[in-house]
Full PDB file with SEQRES, HELIX, SHEET, SSBOND, CRYST1, ORIGX, SCALE, CONECT and MASTER records, all heavy atoms in Angstrom:
SEQRES   1 A   43  LEU THR LYS LEU ILE GLU GLN ASN CYS ILE MET LEU ASN          
SEQRES   2 A   43  ASN CYS ILE VAL ASP THR ARG ASN SER PHE ASP ILE ASN          
SEQRES   3 A   43  ASP ILE LEU THR VAL ARG PHE ASP TYR PRO GLU ASP ASN          
SEQRES   4 A   43  ALA ASN VAL VAL                                              
HELIX    1 AA1 THR A    2  GLU A    6  1                                   5    
SHEET    1 AA1 3 CYS A  15  ILE A  16  0                                        
SHEET    2 AA1 3 ILE A  10  LEU A  12 -1                                        
SHEET    3 AA1 3 LEU A  29  VAL A  31 -1                                        
CRYST1    1.000    1.000    1.000  90.00  90.00  90.00 P 1           1          
ORIGX1      1.000000  0.000000  0.000000        0.00000                         
ORIGX2      0.000000  1.000000  0.000000        0.00000                         
ORIGX3      0.000000  0.000000  1.000000        0.00000                         
SCALE1      1.000000  0.000000  0.000000        0.00000                         
SCALE2      0.000000  1.000000  0.000000        0.00000                         
SCALE3      0.000000  0.000000  1.000000        0.00000                         
ATOM      1  N   LEU A   1      17.342 -10.742   3.911  1.00  0.00           N  
ATOM      2  CA  LEU A   1      16.599  -9.583   3.429  1.00  0.00           C  
ATOM      3  C   LEU A   1      15.375  -9.322   4.302  1.00  0.00           C  
ATOM      4  O   LEU A   1      15.080  -8.176   4.655  1.00  0.00           O  
ATOM      5  CB  LEU A   1      16.199  -9.790   1.963  1.00  0.00           C  
ATOM      6  CG  LEU A   1      15.624  -8.588   1.231  1.00  0.00           C  
ATOM      7  CD1 LEU A   1      16.520  -7.368   1.343  1.00  0.00           C  
ATOM      8  CD2 LEU A   1      15.387  -8.935  -0.224  1.00  0.00           C  
ATOM      9  N   THR A   2      14.686 -10.371   4.688  1.00  0.00           N  
ATOM     10  CA  THR A   2      13.527 -10.225   5.580  1.00  0.00           C  
ATOM     11  C   THR A   2      13.948  -9.596   6.902  1.00  0.00           C  
ATOM     12  O   THR A   2      13.281  -8.686   7.409  1.00  0.00           O  
ATOM     13  CB  THR A   2      12.861 -11.597   5.822  1.00  0.00           C  
ATOM     14  OG1 THR A   2      12.421 -12.114   4.565  1.00  0.00           O  
ATOM     15  CG2 THR A   2      11.691 -11.486   6.770  1.00  0.00           C  
ATOM     16  N   LYS A   3      15.053 -10.064   7.484  1.00  0.00           N  
ATOM     17  CA  LYS A   3      15.547  -9.486   8.742  1.00  0.00           C  
ATOM     18  C   LYS A   3      15.897  -8.015   8.578  1.00  0.00           C  
ATOM     19  O   LYS A   3      15.583  -7.183   9.420  1.00  0.00           O  
ATOM     20  CB  LYS A   3      16.789 -10.233   9.227  1.00  0.00           C  
ATOM     21  CG  LYS A   3      16.521 -11.535   9.873  1.00  0.00           C  
ATOM     22  CD  LYS A   3      17.829 -12.131  10.364  1.00  0.00           C  
ATOM     23  CE  LYS A   3      17.613 -13.517  10.887  1.00  0.00           C  
ATOM     24  NZ  LYS A   3      18.851 -14.127  11.379  1.00  0.00           N  
ATOM     25  N   LEU A   4      16.589  -7.700   7.485  1.00  0.00           N  
ATOM     26  CA  LEU A   4      17.004  -6.321   7.246  1.00  0.00           C  
ATOM     27  C   LEU A   4      15.800  -5.398   7.093  1.00  0.00           C  
ATOM     28  O   LEU A   4      15.803  -4.270   7.600  1.00  0.00           O  
ATOM     29  CB  LEU A   4      17.898  -6.246   6.013  1.00  0.00           C  
ATOM     30  CG  LEU A   4      19.261  -6.921   6.130  1.00  0.00           C  
ATOM     31  CD1 LEU A   4      19.936  -7.001   4.767  1.00  0.00           C  
ATOM     32  CD2 LEU A   4      20.140  -6.200   7.129  1.00  0.00           C  
ATOM     33  N   ILE A   5      14.771  -5.868   6.415  1.00  0.00           N  
ATOM     34  CA  ILE A   5      13.550  -5.064   6.240  1.00  0.00           C  
ATOM     35  C   ILE A   5      12.850  -4.878   7.583  1.00  0.00           C  
ATOM     36  O   ILE A   5      12.451  -3.765   7.939  1.00  0.00           O  
ATOM     37  CB  ILE A   5      12.618  -5.715   5.195  1.00  0.00           C  
ATOM     38  CG1 ILE A   5      13.248  -5.625   3.804  1.00  0.00           C  
ATOM     39  CG2 ILE A   5      11.242  -5.061   5.224  1.00  0.00           C  
ATOM     40  CD1 ILE A   5      12.563  -6.479   2.745  1.00  0.00           C  
ATOM     41  N   GLU A   6      12.712  -5.959   8.361  1.00  0.00           N  
ATOM     42  CA  GLU A   6      12.055  -5.888   9.674  1.00  0.00           C  
ATOM     43  C   GLU A   6      12.779  -4.933  10.623  1.00  0.00           C  
ATOM     44  O   GLU A   6      12.151  -4.257  11.431  1.00  0.00           O  
ATOM     45  CB  GLU A   6      12.001  -7.272  10.321  1.00  0.00           C  
ATOM     46  CG  GLU A   6      11.029  -8.217   9.668  1.00  0.00           C  
ATOM     47  CD  GLU A   6      11.152  -9.643  10.185  1.00  0.00           C  
ATOM     48  OE1 GLU A   6      12.089  -9.944  10.975  1.00  0.00           O  
ATOM     49  OE2 GLU A   6      10.312 -10.472   9.797  1.00  0.00           O  
ATOM     50  N   GLN A   7      14.096  -4.887  10.522  1.00  0.00           N  
ATOM     51  CA  GLN A   7      14.904  -4.053  11.422  1.00  0.00           C  
ATOM     52  C   GLN A   7      15.139  -2.631  10.867  1.00  0.00           C  
ATOM     53  O   GLN A   7      15.883  -1.856  11.456  1.00  0.00           O  
ATOM     54  CB  GLN A   7      16.261  -4.717  11.663  1.00  0.00           C  
ATOM     55  CG  GLN A   7      16.189  -6.050  12.357  1.00  0.00           C  
ATOM     56  CD  GLN A   7      15.840  -5.914  13.828  1.00  0.00           C  
ATOM     57  OE1 GLN A   7      16.161  -4.921  14.461  1.00  0.00           O  
ATOM     58  NE2 GLN A   7      15.175  -6.913  14.365  1.00  0.00           N  
ATOM     59  N   ASN A   8      14.507  -2.293   9.737  1.00  0.00           N  
ATOM     60  CA  ASN A   8      14.665  -0.969   9.107  1.00  0.00           C  
ATOM     61  C   ASN A   8      16.131  -0.653   8.814  1.00  0.00           C  
ATOM     62  O   ASN A   8      16.611   0.446   9.085  1.00  0.00           O  
ATOM     63  CB  ASN A   8      14.048   0.134   9.969  1.00  0.00           C  
ATOM     64  CG  ASN A   8      12.557   0.001  10.060  1.00  0.00           C  
ATOM     65  OD1 ASN A   8      11.891  -0.317   9.080  1.00  0.00           O  
ATOM     66  ND2 ASN A   8      12.018   0.230  11.241  1.00  0.00           N  
ATOM     67  N   CYS A   9      16.831  -1.610   8.252  1.00  0.00           N  
ATOM     68  CA  CYS A   9      18.266  -1.469   7.988  1.00  0.00           C  
ATOM     69  C   CYS A   9      18.593  -1.169   6.531  1.00  0.00           C  
ATOM     70  O   CYS A   9      19.760  -1.155   6.156  1.00  0.00           O  
ATOM     71  CB  CYS A   9      18.983  -2.752   8.417  1.00  0.00           C  
ATOM     72  SG  CYS A   9      18.967  -3.016  10.194  1.00  0.00           S  
ATOM     73  N   ILE A  10      17.575  -0.942   5.711  1.00  0.00           N  
ATOM     74  CA  ILE A  10      17.815  -0.633   4.296  1.00  0.00           C  
ATOM     75  C   ILE A  10      17.368   0.806   4.049  1.00  0.00           C  
ATOM     76  O   ILE A  10      16.213   1.162   4.318  1.00  0.00           O  
ATOM     77  CB  ILE A  10      17.050  -1.609   3.378  1.00  0.00           C  
ATOM     78  CG1 ILE A  10      17.505  -3.037   3.665  1.00  0.00           C  
ATOM     79  CG2 ILE A  10      17.264  -1.239   1.916  1.00  0.00           C  
ATOM     80  CD1 ILE A  10      16.672  -4.092   3.005  1.00  0.00           C  
ATOM     81  N   MET A  11      18.315   1.614   3.560  1.00  0.00           N  
ATOM     82  CA  MET A  11      18.031   3.026   3.361  1.00  0.00           C  
ATOM     83  C   MET A  11      18.436   3.472   1.962  1.00  0.00           C  
ATOM     84  O   MET A  11      19.410   2.956   1.408  1.00  0.00           O  
ATOM     85  CB  MET A  11      18.769   3.850   4.401  1.00  0.00           C  
ATOM     86  CG  MET A  11      18.250   3.619   5.808  1.00  0.00           C  
ATOM     87  SD  MET A  11      19.355   4.258   7.047  1.00  0.00           S  
ATOM     88  CE  MET A  11      20.612   3.004   6.988  1.00  0.00           C  
ATOM     89  N   LEU A  12      17.688   4.387   1.443  1.00  0.00           N  
ATOM     90  CA  LEU A  12      18.012   5.019   0.165  1.00  0.00           C  
ATOM     91  C   LEU A  12      18.214   6.497   0.447  1.00  0.00           C  
ATOM     92  O   LEU A  12      17.298   7.160   0.963  1.00  0.00           O  
ATOM     93  CB  LEU A  12      16.889   4.804  -0.853  1.00  0.00           C  
ATOM     94  CG  LEU A  12      17.189   5.224  -2.277  1.00  0.00           C  
ATOM     95  CD1 LEU A  12      18.290   4.336  -2.866  1.00  0.00           C  
ATOM     96  CD2 LEU A  12      15.949   5.157  -3.140  1.00  0.00           C  
ATOM     97  N   ASN A  13      19.403   6.992   0.169  1.00  0.00           N  
ATOM     98  CA  ASN A  13      19.759   8.385   0.457  1.00  0.00           C  
ATOM     99  C   ASN A  13      19.469   8.752   1.915  1.00  0.00           C  
ATOM    100  O   ASN A  13      18.872   9.774   2.221  1.00  0.00           O  
ATOM    101  CB  ASN A  13      19.042   9.335  -0.503  1.00  0.00           C  
ATOM    102  CG  ASN A  13      19.377   9.038  -1.945  1.00  0.00           C  
ATOM    103  OD1 ASN A  13      20.507   8.693  -2.266  1.00  0.00           O  
ATOM    104  ND2 ASN A  13      18.392   9.148  -2.816  1.00  0.00           N  
ATOM    105  N   ASN A  14      19.864   7.854   2.822  1.00  0.00           N  
ATOM    106  CA  ASN A  14      19.746   8.020   4.276  1.00  0.00           C  
ATOM    107  C   ASN A  14      18.318   8.023   4.811  1.00  0.00           C  
ATOM    108  O   ASN A  14      18.085   8.473   5.932  1.00  0.00           O  
ATOM    109  CB  ASN A  14      20.485   9.281   4.743  1.00  0.00           C  
ATOM    110  CG  ASN A  14      21.969   9.162   4.538  1.00  0.00           C  
ATOM    111  OD1 ASN A  14      22.551   8.106   4.767  1.00  0.00           O  
ATOM    112  ND2 ASN A  14      22.594  10.241   4.089  1.00  0.00           N  
ATOM    113  N   CYS A  15      17.359   7.532   4.037  1.00  0.00           N  
ATOM    114  CA  CYS A  15      15.979   7.395   4.502  1.00  0.00           C  
ATOM    115  C   CYS A  15      15.568   5.927   4.379  1.00  0.00           C  
ATOM    116  O   CYS A  15      15.854   5.288   3.354  1.00  0.00           O  
ATOM    117  CB  CYS A  15      15.028   8.247   3.668  1.00  0.00           C  
ATOM    118  SG  CYS A  15      15.329  10.010   3.835  1.00  0.00           S  
ATOM    119  N   ILE A  16      14.898   5.426   5.399  1.00  0.00           N  
ATOM    120  CA  ILE A  16      14.410   4.046   5.341  1.00  0.00           C  
ATOM    121  C   ILE A  16      13.503   3.919   4.132  1.00  0.00           C  
ATOM    122  O   ILE A  16      12.676   4.794   3.860  1.00  0.00           O  
ATOM    123  CB  ILE A  16      13.668   3.680   6.641  1.00  0.00           C  
ATOM    124  CG1 ILE A  16      14.658   3.719   7.804  1.00  0.00           C  
ATOM    125  CG2 ILE A  16      13.028   2.304   6.542  1.00  0.00           C  
ATOM    126  CD1 ILE A  16      14.014   3.637   9.168  1.00  0.00           C  
ATOM    127  N   VAL A  17      13.634   2.811   3.406  1.00  0.00           N  
ATOM    128  CA  VAL A  17      12.946   2.679   2.132  1.00  0.00           C  
ATOM    129  C   VAL A  17      12.247   1.322   2.031  1.00  0.00           C  
ATOM    130  O   VAL A  17      12.677   0.342   2.630  1.00  0.00           O  
ATOM    131  CB  VAL A  17      13.952   2.878   0.971  1.00  0.00           C  
ATOM    132  CG1 VAL A  17      14.958   1.759   0.925  1.00  0.00           C  
ATOM    133  CG2 VAL A  17      13.268   3.032  -0.350  1.00  0.00           C  
ATOM    134  N   ASP A  18      11.174   1.304   1.301  1.00  0.00           N  
ATOM    135  CA  ASP A  18      10.493   0.062   0.938  1.00  0.00           C  
ATOM    136  C   ASP A  18      11.264  -0.519  -0.246  1.00  0.00           C  
ATOM    137  O   ASP A  18      11.492   0.176  -1.241  1.00  0.00           O  
ATOM    138  CB  ASP A  18       9.047   0.376   0.542  1.00  0.00           C  
ATOM    139  CG  ASP A  18       8.226  -0.860   0.248  1.00  0.00           C  
ATOM    140  OD1 ASP A  18       8.766  -1.858  -0.278  1.00  0.00           O  
ATOM    141  OD2 ASP A  18       7.016  -0.842   0.551  1.00  0.00           O  
ATOM    142  N   THR A  19      11.672  -1.767  -0.149  1.00  0.00           N  
ATOM    143  CA  THR A  19      12.521  -2.350  -1.198  1.00  0.00           C  
ATOM    144  C   THR A  19      11.790  -2.536  -2.515  1.00  0.00           C  
ATOM    145  O   THR A  19      12.422  -2.830  -3.527  1.00  0.00           O  
ATOM    146  CB  THR A  19      13.114  -3.696  -0.739  1.00  0.00           C  
ATOM    147  OG1 THR A  19      12.060  -4.597  -0.442  1.00  0.00           O  
ATOM    148  CG2 THR A  19      14.005  -3.503   0.472  1.00  0.00           C  
ATOM    149  N   ARG A  20      10.466  -2.365  -2.520  1.00  0.00           N  
ATOM    150  CA  ARG A  20       9.708  -2.451  -3.775  1.00  0.00           C  
ATOM    151  C   ARG A  20       9.781  -1.150  -4.564  1.00  0.00           C  
ATOM    152  O   ARG A  20       9.370  -1.094  -5.719  1.00  0.00           O  
ATOM    153  CB  ARG A  20       8.254  -2.812  -3.496  1.00  0.00           C  
ATOM    154  CG  ARG A  20       8.105  -4.201  -2.880  1.00  0.00           C  
ATOM    155  CD  ARG A  20       6.713  -4.435  -2.393  1.00  0.00           C  
ATOM    156  NE  ARG A  20       6.504  -3.565  -1.225  1.00  0.00           N  
ATOM    157  CZ  ARG A  20       5.492  -3.678  -0.388  1.00  0.00           C  
ATOM    158  NH1 ARG A  20       4.568  -4.579  -0.573  1.00  0.00           N  
ATOM    159  NH2 ARG A  20       5.384  -2.870   0.649  1.00  0.00           N  
ATOM    160  N   ASN A  21      10.328  -0.110  -3.931  1.00  0.00           N  
ATOM    161  CA  ASN A  21      10.438   1.192  -4.599  1.00  0.00           C  
ATOM    162  C   ASN A  21      11.494   1.159  -5.692  1.00  0.00           C  
ATOM    163  O   ASN A  21      12.445   0.386  -5.639  1.00  0.00           O  
ATOM    164  CB  ASN A  21      10.816   2.288  -3.599  1.00  0.00           C  
ATOM    165  CG  ASN A  21       9.699   2.610  -2.636  1.00  0.00           C  
ATOM    166  OD1 ASN A  21       8.597   2.072  -2.740  1.00  0.00           O  
ATOM    167  ND2 ASN A  21       9.986   3.455  -1.675  1.00  0.00           N  
ATOM    168  N   SER A  22      11.327   2.067  -6.643  1.00  0.00           N  
ATOM    169  CA  SER A  22      12.339   2.223  -7.692  1.00  0.00           C  
ATOM    170  C   SER A  22      13.418   3.176  -7.180  1.00  0.00           C  
ATOM    171  O   SER A  22      13.345   3.656  -6.054  1.00  0.00           O  
ATOM    172  CB  SER A  22      11.705   2.742  -8.972  1.00  0.00           C  
ATOM    173  OG  SER A  22      11.141   4.011  -8.746  1.00  0.00           O  
ATOM    174  N   PHE A  23      14.386   3.467  -8.002  1.00  0.00           N  
ATOM    175  CA  PHE A  23      15.495   4.318  -7.610  1.00  0.00           C  
ATOM    176  C   PHE A  23      15.912   5.168  -8.795  1.00  0.00           C  
ATOM    177  O   PHE A  23      15.529   4.910  -9.926  1.00  0.00           O  
ATOM    178  CB  PHE A  23      16.675   3.471  -7.127  1.00  0.00           C  
ATOM    179  CG  PHE A  23      17.102   2.438  -8.128  1.00  0.00           C  
ATOM    180  CD1 PHE A  23      18.030   2.732  -9.104  1.00  0.00           C  
ATOM    181  CD2 PHE A  23      16.540   1.166  -8.119  1.00  0.00           C  
ATOM    182  CE1 PHE A  23      18.411   1.784 -10.038  1.00  0.00           C  
ATOM    183  CE2 PHE A  23      16.910   0.212  -9.045  1.00  0.00           C  
ATOM    184  CZ  PHE A  23      17.846   0.519 -10.008  1.00  0.00           C  
ATOM    185  N   ASP A  24      16.703   6.189  -8.527  1.00  0.00           N  
ATOM    186  CA  ASP A  24      17.250   7.058  -9.562  1.00  0.00           C  
ATOM    187  C   ASP A  24      18.759   6.863  -9.645  1.00  0.00           C  
ATOM    188  O   ASP A  24      19.391   6.411  -8.685  1.00  0.00           O  
ATOM    189  CB  ASP A  24      16.942   8.531  -9.258  1.00  0.00           C  
ATOM    190  CG  ASP A  24      15.457   8.838  -9.383  1.00  0.00           C  
ATOM    191  OD1 ASP A  24      14.821   8.324 -10.317  1.00  0.00           O  
ATOM    192  OD2 ASP A  24      14.935   9.593  -8.532  1.00  0.00           O  
ATOM    193  N   ILE A  25      19.305   7.234 -10.756  1.00  0.00           N  
ATOM    194  CA  ILE A  25      20.750   7.163 -10.941  1.00  0.00           C  
ATOM    195  C   ILE A  25      21.420   8.053  -9.896  1.00  0.00           C  
ATOM    196  O   ILE A  25      20.928   9.139  -9.580  1.00  0.00           O  
ATOM    197  CB  ILE A  25      21.136   7.608 -12.372  1.00  0.00           C  
ATOM    198  CG1 ILE A  25      20.500   6.641 -13.375  1.00  0.00           C  
ATOM    199  CG2 ILE A  25      22.637   7.676 -12.552  1.00  0.00           C  
ATOM    200  CD1 ILE A  25      20.543   7.108 -14.798  1.00  0.00           C  
ATOM    201  N   ASN A  26      22.518   7.581  -9.339  1.00  0.00           N  
ATOM    202  CA  ASN A  26      23.307   8.245  -8.306  1.00  0.00           C  
ATOM    203  C   ASN A  26      22.674   8.197  -6.912  1.00  0.00           C  
ATOM    204  O   ASN A  26      23.217   8.786  -5.972  1.00  0.00           O  
ATOM    205  CB  ASN A  26      23.659   9.692  -8.667  1.00  0.00           C  
ATOM    206  CG  ASN A  26      24.571   9.763  -9.866  1.00  0.00           C  
ATOM    207  OD1 ASN A  26      25.429   8.901 -10.052  1.00  0.00           O  
ATOM    208  ND2 ASN A  26      24.384  10.767 -10.696  1.00  0.00           N  
ATOM    209  N   ASP A  27      21.538   7.533  -6.757  1.00  0.00           N  
ATOM    210  CA  ASP A  27      21.013   7.292  -5.418  1.00  0.00           C  
ATOM    211  C   ASP A  27      21.993   6.386  -4.678  1.00  0.00           C  
ATOM    212  O   ASP A  27      22.662   5.546  -5.284  1.00  0.00           O  
ATOM    213  CB  ASP A  27      19.650   6.594  -5.474  1.00  0.00           C  
ATOM    214  CG  ASP A  27      18.495   7.557  -5.708  1.00  0.00           C  
ATOM    215  OD1 ASP A  27      18.727   8.776  -5.664  1.00  0.00           O  
ATOM    216  OD2 ASP A  27      17.366   7.075  -5.919  1.00  0.00           O  
ATOM    217  N   ILE A  28      22.063   6.556  -3.365  1.00  0.00           N  
ATOM    218  CA  ILE A  28      22.948   5.732  -2.547  1.00  0.00           C  
ATOM    219  C   ILE A  28      22.088   4.785  -1.700  1.00  0.00           C  
ATOM    220  O   ILE A  28      21.280   5.220  -0.890  1.00  0.00           O  
ATOM    221  CB  ILE A  28      23.826   6.584  -1.604  1.00  0.00           C  
ATOM    222  CG1 ILE A  28      24.650   7.606  -2.389  1.00  0.00           C  
ATOM    223  CG2 ILE A  28      24.713   5.692  -0.730  1.00  0.00           C  
ATOM    224  CD1 ILE A  28      25.730   7.025  -3.247  1.00  0.00           C  
ATOM    225  N   LEU A  29      22.298   3.511  -1.938  1.00  0.00           N  
ATOM    226  CA  LEU A  29      21.620   2.463  -1.173  1.00  0.00           C  
ATOM    227  C   LEU A  29      22.560   2.041  -0.042  1.00  0.00           C  
ATOM    228  O   LEU A  29      23.723   1.724  -0.277  1.00  0.00           O  
ATOM    229  CB  LEU A  29      21.324   1.268  -2.082  1.00  0.00           C  
ATOM    230  CG  LEU A  29      20.647   0.062  -1.446  1.00  0.00           C  
ATOM    231  CD1 LEU A  29      19.256   0.421  -0.958  1.00  0.00           C  
ATOM    232  CD2 LEU A  29      20.595  -1.081  -2.441  1.00  0.00           C  
ATOM    233  N   THR A  30      22.061   2.069   1.184  1.00  0.00           N  
ATOM    234  CA  THR A  30      22.855   1.682   2.347  1.00  0.00           C  
ATOM    235  C   THR A  30      22.169   0.519   3.038  1.00  0.00           C  
ATOM    236  O   THR A  30      20.961   0.559   3.286  1.00  0.00           O  
ATOM    237  CB  THR A  30      22.997   2.856   3.343  1.00  0.00           C  
ATOM    238  OG1 THR A  30      23.547   3.980   2.662  1.00  0.00           O  
ATOM    239  CG2 THR A  30      23.874   2.481   4.527  1.00  0.00           C  
ATOM    240  N   VAL A  31      22.940  -0.512   3.337  1.00  0.00           N  
ATOM    241  CA  VAL A  31      22.434  -1.674   4.063  1.00  0.00           C  
ATOM    242  C   VAL A  31      23.250  -1.779   5.350  1.00  0.00           C  
ATOM    243  O   VAL A  31      24.471  -1.928   5.301  1.00  0.00           O  
ATOM    244  CB  VAL A  31      22.572  -2.968   3.234  1.00  0.00           C  
ATOM    245  CG1 VAL A  31      21.992  -4.145   3.989  1.00  0.00           C  
ATOM    246  CG2 VAL A  31      21.921  -2.812   1.870  1.00  0.00           C  
ATOM    247  N   ARG A  32      22.573  -1.653   6.498  1.00  0.00           N  
ATOM    248  CA  ARG A  32      23.227  -1.737   7.806  1.00  0.00           C  
ATOM    249  C   ARG A  32      23.096  -3.149   8.374  1.00  0.00           C  
ATOM    250  O   ARG A  32      22.037  -3.761   8.273  1.00  0.00           O  
ATOM    251  CB  ARG A  32      22.597  -0.752   8.780  1.00  0.00           C  
ATOM    252  CG  ARG A  32      22.917   0.691   8.502  1.00  0.00           C  
ATOM    253  CD  ARG A  32      22.429   1.646   9.605  1.00  0.00           C  
ATOM    254  NE  ARG A  32      21.847   1.018  10.760  1.00  0.00           N  
ATOM    255  CZ  ARG A  32      20.537   0.951  11.031  1.00  0.00           C  
ATOM    256  NH1 ARG A  32      19.659   1.465  10.192  1.00  0.00           N  
ATOM    257  NH2 ARG A  32      20.103   0.368  12.114  1.00  0.00           N  
ATOM    258  N   PHE A  33      24.154  -3.637   8.977  1.00  0.00           N  
ATOM    259  CA  PHE A  33      24.156  -4.970   9.562  1.00  0.00           C  
ATOM    260  C   PHE A  33      24.358  -4.927  11.073  1.00  0.00           C  
ATOM    261  O   PHE A  33      24.775  -5.909  11.672  1.00  0.00           O  
ATOM    262  CB  PHE A  33      25.260  -5.818   8.924  1.00  0.00           C  
ATOM    263  CG  PHE A  33      25.041  -6.064   7.469  1.00  0.00           C  
ATOM    264  CD1 PHE A  33      25.600  -5.231   6.519  1.00  0.00           C  
ATOM    265  CD2 PHE A  33      24.244  -7.117   7.045  1.00  0.00           C  
ATOM    266  CE1 PHE A  33      25.386  -5.456   5.175  1.00  0.00           C  
ATOM    267  CE2 PHE A  33      24.023  -7.343   5.701  1.00  0.00           C  
ATOM    268  CZ  PHE A  33      24.594  -6.510   4.765  1.00  0.00           C  
ATOM    269  N   ASP A  34      24.044  -3.806  11.711  1.00  0.00           N  
ATOM    270  CA  ASP A  34      24.307  -3.656  13.139  1.00  0.00           C  
ATOM    271  C   ASP A  34      23.111  -3.992  14.019  1.00  0.00           C  
ATOM    272  O   ASP A  34      23.073  -3.642  15.187  1.00  0.00           O  
ATOM    273  CB  ASP A  34      24.799  -2.241  13.434  1.00  0.00           C  
ATOM    274  CG  ASP A  34      23.812  -1.165  13.017  1.00  0.00           C  
ATOM    275  OD1 ASP A  34      22.795  -1.491  12.378  1.00  0.00           O  
ATOM    276  OD2 ASP A  34      24.057   0.010  13.325  1.00  0.00           O  
ATOM    277  N   TYR A  35      22.139  -4.690  13.492  1.00  0.00           N  
ATOM    278  CA  TYR A  35      20.982  -5.061  14.289  1.00  0.00           C  
ATOM    279  C   TYR A  35      21.359  -6.195  15.260  1.00  0.00           C  
ATOM    280  O   TYR A  35      22.191  -7.035  14.955  1.00  0.00           O  
ATOM    281  CB  TYR A  35      19.812  -5.501  13.387  1.00  0.00           C  
ATOM    282  CG  TYR A  35      20.133  -6.672  12.504  1.00  0.00           C  
ATOM    283  CD1 TYR A  35      19.873  -7.966  12.921  1.00  0.00           C  
ATOM    284  CD2 TYR A  35      20.708  -6.498  11.250  1.00  0.00           C  
ATOM    285  CE1 TYR A  35      20.181  -9.055  12.119  1.00  0.00           C  
ATOM    286  CE2 TYR A  35      21.018  -7.571  10.447  1.00  0.00           C  
ATOM    287  CZ  TYR A  35      20.756  -8.845  10.888  1.00  0.00           C  
ATOM    288  OH  TYR A  35      21.060  -9.921  10.100  1.00  0.00           O  
ATOM    289  N   PRO A  36      20.747  -6.207  16.452  1.00  0.00           N  
ATOM    290  CA  PRO A  36      21.067  -7.277  17.421  1.00  0.00           C  
ATOM    291  C   PRO A  36      20.415  -8.597  17.023  1.00  0.00           C  
ATOM    292  O   PRO A  36      19.365  -8.615  16.385  1.00  0.00           O  
ATOM    293  CB  PRO A  36      20.481  -6.750  18.735  1.00  0.00           C  
ATOM    294  CG  PRO A  36      19.415  -5.802  18.318  1.00  0.00           C  
ATOM    295  CD  PRO A  36      19.830  -5.222  16.999  1.00  0.00           C  
ATOM    296  N   GLU A  37      21.078  -9.689  17.393  1.00  0.00           N  
ATOM    297  CA  GLU A  37      20.537 -11.026  17.146  1.00  0.00           C  
ATOM    298  C   GLU A  37      20.573 -11.813  18.451  1.00  0.00           C  
ATOM    299  O   GLU A  37      21.456 -11.603  19.285  1.00  0.00           O  
ATOM    300  CB  GLU A  37      21.377 -11.770  16.109  1.00  0.00           C  
ATOM    301  CG  GLU A  37      21.301 -11.190  14.727  1.00  0.00           C  
ATOM    302  CD  GLU A  37      22.157 -11.970  13.762  1.00  0.00           C  
ATOM    303  OE1 GLU A  37      23.385 -11.837  13.822  1.00  0.00           O  
ATOM    304  OE2 GLU A  37      21.583 -12.718  12.959  1.00  0.00           O  
ATOM    305  N   ASP A  38      19.641 -12.724  18.599  1.00  0.00           N  
ATOM    306  CA  ASP A  38      19.595 -13.563  19.787  1.00  0.00           C  
ATOM    307  C   ASP A  38      20.595 -14.703  19.650  1.00  0.00           C  
ATOM    308  O   ASP A  38      20.573 -15.438  18.670  1.00  0.00           O  
ATOM    309  CB  ASP A  38      18.179 -14.123  19.964  1.00  0.00           C  
ATOM    310  CG  ASP A  38      18.055 -15.009  21.188  1.00  0.00           C  
ATOM    311  OD1 ASP A  38      18.809 -14.802  22.163  1.00  0.00           O  
ATOM    312  OD2 ASP A  38      17.215 -15.916  21.166  1.00  0.00           O  
ATOM    313  N   ASN A  39      21.480 -14.816  20.620  1.00  0.00           N  
ATOM    314  CA  ASN A  39      22.412 -15.937  20.635  1.00  0.00           C  
ATOM    315  C   ASN A  39      22.293 -16.714  21.953  1.00  0.00           C  
ATOM    316  O   ASN A  39      23.239 -17.353  22.400  1.00  0.00           O  
ATOM    317  CB  ASN A  39      23.851 -15.473  20.373  1.00  0.00           C  
ATOM    318  CG  ASN A  39      24.374 -14.530  21.435  1.00  0.00           C  
ATOM    319  OD1 ASN A  39      23.758 -14.319  22.467  1.00  0.00           O  
ATOM    320  ND2 ASN A  39      25.530 -13.944  21.195  1.00  0.00           N  
ATOM    321  N   ALA A  40      21.104 -16.656  22.547  1.00  0.00           N  
ATOM    322  CA  ALA A  40      20.868 -17.290  23.841  1.00  0.00           C  
ATOM    323  C   ALA A  40      20.862 -18.818  23.758  1.00  0.00           C  
ATOM    324  O   ALA A  40      20.881 -19.484  24.787  1.00  0.00           O  
ATOM    325  CB  ALA A  40      19.546 -16.791  24.427  1.00  0.00           C  
ATOM    326  N   ASN A  41      20.840 -19.375  22.569  1.00  0.00           N  
ATOM    327  CA  ASN A  41      20.832 -20.834  22.422  1.00  0.00           C  
ATOM    328  C   ASN A  41      22.202 -21.451  22.692  1.00  0.00           C  
ATOM    329  O   ASN A  41      22.330 -22.669  22.758  1.00  0.00           O  
ATOM    330  CB  ASN A  41      20.348 -21.235  21.027  1.00  0.00           C  
ATOM    331  CG  ASN A  41      21.263 -20.727  19.929  1.00  0.00           C  
ATOM    332  OD1 ASN A  41      21.836 -19.642  20.045  1.00  0.00           O  
ATOM    333  ND2 ASN A  41      21.385 -21.483  18.867  1.00  0.00           N  
ATOM    334  N   VAL A  42      23.233 -20.621  22.873  1.00  0.00           N  
ATOM    335  CA  VAL A  42      24.579 -21.113  23.166  1.00  0.00           C  
ATOM    336  C   VAL A  42      24.964 -20.633  24.567  1.00  0.00           C  
ATOM    337  O   VAL A  42      24.852 -19.450  24.879  1.00  0.00           O  
ATOM    338  CB  VAL A  42      25.605 -20.602  22.124  1.00  0.00           C  
ATOM    339  CG1 VAL A  42      27.017 -21.047  22.464  1.00  0.00           C  
ATOM    340  CG2 VAL A  42      25.221 -21.060  20.725  1.00  0.00           C  
ATOM    341  N   VAL A  43      25.428 -21.550  25.397  1.00  0.00           N  
ATOM    342  CA  VAL A  43      25.865 -21.229  26.752  1.00  0.00           C  
ATOM    343  C   VAL A  43      27.208 -20.511  26.681  1.00  0.00           C  
ATOM    344  O   VAL A  43      28.122 -20.958  25.986  1.00  0.00           O  
ATOM    345  CB  VAL A  43      26.001 -22.519  27.598  1.00  0.00           C  
ATOM    346  CG1 VAL A  43      26.592 -22.219  28.960  1.00  0.00           C  
ATOM    347  CG2 VAL A  43      24.671 -23.226  27.710  1.00  0.00           C  
TER     348      VAL A  43                                                      
MASTER        0    0    0    1    3    0    0    6  347    1    0    4          
END                                                                             
């Protein structure tokens, strides 16, 4: 969750959102997992 927030990967109705915000019925929460990660520790 910390990574997703740092990478702006959590959206409510296609807008980046603060996860402390409330929501309305029928709102669409989208969580993207396409952020890059460092894998340089493996040859």
